[in-house]
Protein backbone atom coordinates (compact mmCIF):
# COMPACT_ATOMS: atom_id res chain seq x y z
CA MET A 1 0.00 0.02 0.11
CA GLU A 2 2.45 2.32 1.27
CA GLN A 3 5.02 1.64 -1.94
CA ASP A 4 1.67 2.27 -4.33
CA ARG A 5 0.88 5.32 -2.60
CA LEU A 6 4.92 6.61 -3.34
CA ASP A 7 4.35 5.69 -6.87
CA ILE A 8 1.15 7.45 -7.10
CA TYR A 9 3.17 10.66 -5.75
CA HIS A 10 5.72 10.11 -8.19
CA HIS A 11 3.14 10.51 -11.00
CA ILE A 12 1.68 13.97 -9.28
CA PHE A 13 5.13 15.52 -8.81
CA LEU A 14 5.61 14.96 -12.63
CA SER A 15 2.49 16.26 -13.77
CA LEU A 16 3.17 19.29 -11.86
CA LEU A 17 6.57 19.87 -13.51
CA GLY A 18 5.21 18.85 -16.99
CA GLY A 19 6.70 15.49 -17.09
CA LYS A 20 10.31 16.91 -15.78
CA LEU A 21 12.11 14.93 -12.52
CA TYR A 22 13.57 18.43 -11.69
CA THR A 23 13.77 22.23 -11.80
CA ALA A 24 17.33 22.81 -11.18
CA PRO A 25 19.43 23.87 -14.44
CA LEU A 26 21.33 20.58 -14.37
CA ASP A 27 24.42 19.90 -17.23
CA LYS A 28 25.46 16.52 -17.00
CA PRO A 29 25.59 15.68 -13.39
CA GLN A 30 28.41 13.17 -12.76
CA ASN A 31 27.40 12.06 -9.07
CA VAL A 32 23.58 12.39 -7.90
CA LEU A 33 22.14 11.72 -4.64
CA ASP A 34 18.46 10.80 -4.13
CA VAL A 35 17.74 11.26 -0.10
CA GLY A 36 15.04 9.26 1.02
CA THR A 37 14.70 7.41 -2.35
CA GLY A 38 11.35 5.26 -1.08
CA THR A 39 10.77 2.92 -3.92
CA GLY A 40 13.28 4.36 -6.04
CA ILE A 41 11.12 5.40 -8.67
CA TRP A 42 12.54 8.99 -9.17
CA ALA A 43 16.16 7.42 -9.03
CA ILE A 44 15.47 4.69 -11.78
CA ASP A 45 13.72 7.38 -13.94
CA PHE A 46 16.79 9.77 -13.40
CA ALA A 47 19.24 7.38 -14.39
CA ASP A 48 17.88 6.06 -17.05
CA GLN A 49 17.47 9.78 -18.38
CA HIS A 50 21.10 10.47 -17.50
CA PRO A 51 23.35 7.54 -18.28
CA GLU A 52 26.22 9.82 -17.73
CA SER A 53 25.49 9.89 -14.20
CA GLN A 54 26.12 7.80 -11.33
CA VAL A 55 23.30 7.62 -9.01
CA LEU A 56 22.59 6.72 -5.55
CA GLY A 57 19.53 5.89 -3.78
CA ASN A 58 19.23 5.75 0.01
CA ASP A 59 16.31 4.98 2.47
CA LEU A 60 15.92 3.34 5.99
CA SER A 61 13.96 0.91 4.20
CA PRO A 62 15.32 -1.64 1.71
CA ILE A 63 12.13 -2.00 -0.66
CA GLN A 64 13.46 -0.81 -3.93
CA PRO A 65 13.75 -3.02 -6.90
CA LYS A 66 16.84 -5.40 -7.57
CA TRP A 67 16.84 -4.80 -11.42
CA VAL A 68 17.55 -1.31 -12.11
CA PRO A 69 19.71 0.98 -14.54
CA PRO A 70 23.51 -0.32 -14.28
CA ASN A 71 24.57 3.65 -13.38
CA LEU A 72 22.03 3.33 -10.17
CA LYS A 73 22.61 1.74 -6.67
CA PHE A 74 20.51 1.52 -3.53
CA GLU A 75 21.98 1.70 0.00
CA VAL A 76 20.24 1.45 3.81
CA ASP A 77 21.30 4.66 5.22
CA ASP A 78 20.17 7.11 7.89
CA MET A 79 20.57 10.71 6.89
CA GLU A 80 20.06 11.85 10.29
CA GLU A 81 23.61 10.47 11.34
CA ASP A 82 26.63 11.66 9.88
CA TRP A 83 27.01 11.52 6.11
CA THR A 84 30.09 9.15 5.14
CA TYR A 85 30.32 10.38 1.34
CA HIS A 86 33.15 12.72 0.40
CA ASP A 87 33.08 16.46 0.92
CA ASP A 88 32.25 18.38 -2.65
CA PHE A 89 31.41 15.53 -4.15
CA PHE A 90 27.64 15.37 -5.39
CA ASP A 91 26.89 17.66 -8.47
CA TYR A 92 23.18 17.05 -7.51
CA ILE A 93 21.17 15.96 -4.44
CA HIS A 94 17.20 15.65 -4.67
CA ILE A 95 15.17 15.24 -1.44
CA ARG A 96 11.76 14.67 -1.95
CA SER A 97 8.54 14.02 0.17
CA LEU A 98 10.39 14.12 3.61
CA SER A 99 8.75 17.17 5.39
CA GLY A 100 7.95 15.29 8.23
CA SER A 101 10.99 12.98 8.61
CA PHE A 102 13.72 15.00 10.21
CA ARG A 103 14.23 16.43 13.52
CA SER A 104 16.95 19.29 12.22
CA TRP A 105 16.49 20.30 8.66
CA ASP A 106 19.26 22.57 9.44
CA ALA A 107 21.65 19.88 10.29
CA ILE A 108 20.45 17.66 7.50
CA LEU A 109 20.85 21.07 4.79
CA ALA A 110 24.38 21.75 6.56
CA GLN A 111 25.38 17.98 5.89
CA ALA A 112 24.23 18.62 2.16
CA TYR A 113 25.77 21.62 1.62
CA ARG A 114 29.51 19.87 2.61
CA LYS A 115 29.05 16.95 0.29
CA THR A 116 27.41 19.12 -2.74
CA LYS A 117 30.34 19.91 -5.28
CA PRO A 118 30.52 23.94 -5.72
CA GLY A 119 28.92 24.82 -8.43
CA GLY A 120 26.61 21.85 -7.75
CA TYR A 121 22.89 22.20 -7.14
CA ILE A 122 20.22 20.69 -4.26
CA GLU A 123 16.69 20.37 -4.67
CA PHE A 124 13.93 20.10 -2.20
CA GLN A 125 10.34 18.69 -3.38
CA ASP A 126 7.19 18.36 -1.46
CA TYR A 127 3.57 19.07 -0.93
CA GLY A 128 2.99 21.65 1.18
CA CYS A 129 1.46 20.50 4.51
CA GLU A 130 -0.87 23.65 4.38
CA LEU A 131 -4.90 23.22 3.24
CA PHE A 132 -6.78 25.61 1.20
CA LEU A 133 -10.54 25.82 0.36
CA ALA A 134 -11.02 26.46 -3.29
CA ASP A 135 -11.63 30.49 -2.46
CA GLY A 136 -8.27 30.37 -0.75
CA THR A 137 -9.11 30.12 2.57
CA ARG A 138 -6.67 28.31 4.92
CA LEU A 139 -7.63 25.33 6.93
CA GLY A 140 -5.57 23.27 9.29
CA GLN A 141 -5.46 25.52 12.12
CA SER A 142 -8.25 24.43 14.40
CA PRO A 143 -10.22 21.14 15.57
CA ASP A 144 -13.16 23.29 14.85
CA GLU A 145 -13.07 23.10 10.89
CA PRO A 146 -14.22 20.79 8.52
CA PRO A 147 -12.81 16.85 8.73
CA THR A 148 -10.15 17.59 6.58
CA GLY A 149 -9.00 20.75 8.04
CA GLN A 150 -9.20 18.61 11.38
CA TYR A 151 -7.31 16.16 9.99
CA LEU A 152 -4.13 18.17 9.24
CA TYR A 153 -4.48 20.07 12.27
CA TYR A 154 -4.36 17.28 14.51
CA ILE A 155 -1.56 15.52 12.63
CA GLY A 156 0.45 18.71 12.44
CA MET A 157 0.19 19.05 15.99
CA ALA A 158 1.40 15.50 16.72
CA ALA A 159 4.11 15.66 14.20
CA GLU A 160 5.29 18.95 15.94
CA LYS A 161 5.10 17.62 19.32
CA GLN A 162 6.75 14.50 18.32
CA GLY A 163 9.67 16.32 17.04
CA ARG A 164 9.45 15.89 13.05
CA PRO A 165 7.33 19.02 12.24
CA MET A 166 5.70 19.12 8.84
CA ALA A 167 3.94 22.39 8.85
CA GLY A 168 5.64 25.30 7.26
CA ILE A 169 9.00 23.27 6.19
CA ALA A 170 8.22 23.80 2.45
CA ARG A 171 6.90 27.37 2.66
CA GLY A 172 10.23 28.10 4.50
CA MET A 173 12.78 25.83 2.34
CA ARG A 174 13.96 28.85 0.38
CA GLU A 175 15.07 30.68 3.57
CA ARG A 176 16.69 27.50 4.90
CA LEU A 177 18.72 26.68 1.69
CA GLU A 178 19.86 30.18 1.89
CA LYS A 179 20.89 30.04 5.51
CA ALA A 180 22.67 26.80 4.64
CA GLY A 181 24.89 28.66 2.15
CA PHE A 182 23.15 27.61 -1.29
CA VAL A 183 23.00 30.86 -3.63
CA ASP A 184 20.48 31.40 -6.84
CA VAL A 185 17.65 29.93 -4.93
CA LYS A 186 14.93 29.66 -6.95
CA GLU A 187 11.10 28.62 -6.01
CA HIS A 188 8.35 27.14 -7.93
CA VAL A 189 4.85 26.60 -6.34
CA ALA A 190 2.19 24.50 -8.02
CA ILE A 191 -1.62 24.06 -7.25
CA TRP A 192 -2.20 20.46 -6.20
CA PRO A 193 -6.10 19.95 -6.02
CA LEU A 194 -7.11 17.25 -3.85
CA GLY A 195 -9.82 15.89 -5.92
CA PRO A 196 -10.83 16.08 -9.80
CA TRP A 197 -13.13 19.22 -9.13
CA PRO A 198 -10.97 21.95 -10.59
CA LYS A 199 -12.34 22.81 -14.44
CA ASP A 200 -8.65 22.83 -15.88
CA LYS A 201 -8.22 19.64 -17.67
CA ARG A 202 -4.62 19.20 -16.67
CA LEU A 203 -5.63 20.17 -12.64
CA LYS A 204 -8.54 17.70 -12.75
CA GLU A 205 -5.95 14.94 -13.98
CA ILE A 206 -3.67 15.76 -11.26
CA GLY A 207 -6.60 15.83 -8.64
CA LYS A 208 -7.78 12.67 -9.71
CA TRP A 209 -4.43 11.05 -8.61
CA ALA A 210 -4.16 13.10 -5.78
CA LYS A 211 -7.36 11.67 -4.55
CA VAL A 212 -6.28 8.29 -4.74
CA GLY A 213 -3.04 9.12 -2.91
CA ALA A 214 -5.00 10.91 -0.02
CA ARG A 215 -7.20 8.05 0.36
CA ASP A 216 -4.52 5.42 0.61
CA SER A 217 -2.57 7.58 2.97
CA MET A 218 -5.02 8.90 5.60
CA LEU A 219 -5.44 5.77 8.08
CA PRO A 220 -1.76 4.64 7.87
CA PHE A 221 -0.54 8.06 8.26
CA ALA A 222 -2.93 8.92 11.23
CA LEU A 223 -2.02 5.54 12.85
CA HIS A 224 1.62 6.36 12.83
CA LEU A 225 1.57 9.81 14.52
CA LEU A 226 -1.91 9.82 16.22
CA THR A 227 -1.44 6.50 18.31
CA LYS A 228 1.49 8.02 19.92
CA GLU A 229 -1.08 10.55 21.08
CA GLY A 230 -3.41 8.23 22.53
CA TRP A 231 -5.70 8.11 19.92
CA THR A 232 -7.05 4.28 19.73
CA TYR A 233 -7.43 2.22 16.57
CA ASP A 234 -11.04 2.60 16.04
CA GLU A 235 -10.95 6.38 16.93
CA ILE A 236 -8.41 6.87 14.26
CA LYS A 237 -10.24 4.60 11.66
CA ALA A 238 -13.80 6.29 12.10
CA PHE A 239 -11.87 9.89 12.11
CA SER A 240 -10.21 8.82 8.85
CA ALA A 241 -13.67 7.78 7.18
CA LYS A 242 -15.16 11.02 8.02
CA VAL A 243 -11.94 12.73 6.53
CA ILE A 244 -12.12 11.03 3.25
CA ALA A 245 -15.82 11.13 2.90
CA ASP A 246 -15.46 15.13 3.34
CA THR A 247 -12.05 15.12 1.09
CA ASP A 248 -14.27 13.56 -1.40
CA ALA A 249 -17.31 15.93 -1.11
CA GLY A 250 -15.11 19.02 -0.58
CA LYS A 251 -12.87 21.50 -3.01
CA TYR A 252 -9.34 21.36 -1.23
CA TYR A 253 -5.93 21.61 -2.36
CA CYS A 254 -2.39 22.42 -1.01
CA HIS A 255 0.57 23.59 -3.15
CA GLY A 256 3.34 21.23 -4.62
CA TRP A 257 6.79 23.20 -3.85
CA PHE A 258 9.63 22.95 -5.86
CA VAL A 259 12.85 24.76 -4.54
CA HIS A 260 16.48 24.61 -5.85
CA GLY A 261 20.03 26.18 -4.85
CA ARG A 262 23.42 26.21 -6.02
CA LYS A 263 26.55 25.63 -3.92
CA PRO A 264 28.92 28.64 -4.79
CA GLU A 265 32.07 28.14 -6.81
CA LYS A 266 35.18 28.11 -4.43
CA LYS A 267 36.91 31.46 -4.35
CA ARG A 268 40.50 31.59 -5.88
CA LYS A 269 42.93 32.74 -3.49
CA PRO A 270 44.93 36.21 -4.97
CA GLY A 271 48.04 35.01 -6.63
CA LYS A 272 47.03 31.67 -7.65
CA ASP A 273 46.40 30.59 -11.27
């Protein structure tokens, strides 16, 4: 189920970018790292499209396929530990769908900065953990909202309490990358409908897939976070059912965030050729 959901979200990210895997202005990157690769689908597609690159995907779980392009390998690793790669090594580091995964994004980005080659790029991609009505009204900030807004409120509060916050990570990524030392930081934000309610044909198709992904993730995501806050399985199951029904009937959207930045070239010392 989780692997299917990750592959659905891969399709959504591609759709939001018009079929592209990234927004950074890459030029034949030699060494590429996919942090938290999940099923490995992004890394596989990238390796296929860039046979000149050596691609490495890491994750806490070894759920990736065995048959992959020859220029790709996977490894099990915890990126909250010290990164053991050489400094100034990667031409491109890709981080996707990890907003609630780390205790300290500043620590993660500091390590990424050290491991990025001068002139190389880092890119963050994720859906923003902020919910909106079709008219732009923001939800997810009170337990007195419709069920879908309540869901995001309780999930966000639990994630914050457990030390792996979700809310505001995507929106604040540009500032975090700049704080880490990256320059020429660019940000692209796209509408991510939660259901096929938009009139626009492309957004309607994206919303159709987003609805499937949301339905598949509601219960397991809530179980992961809310059981630690004292909710019972039956309470979470009943609540998730209400949220799914509300999402199906409502007109909600979030944002897809794509933020990339470049590590500056090393300055040449005076008198050096």
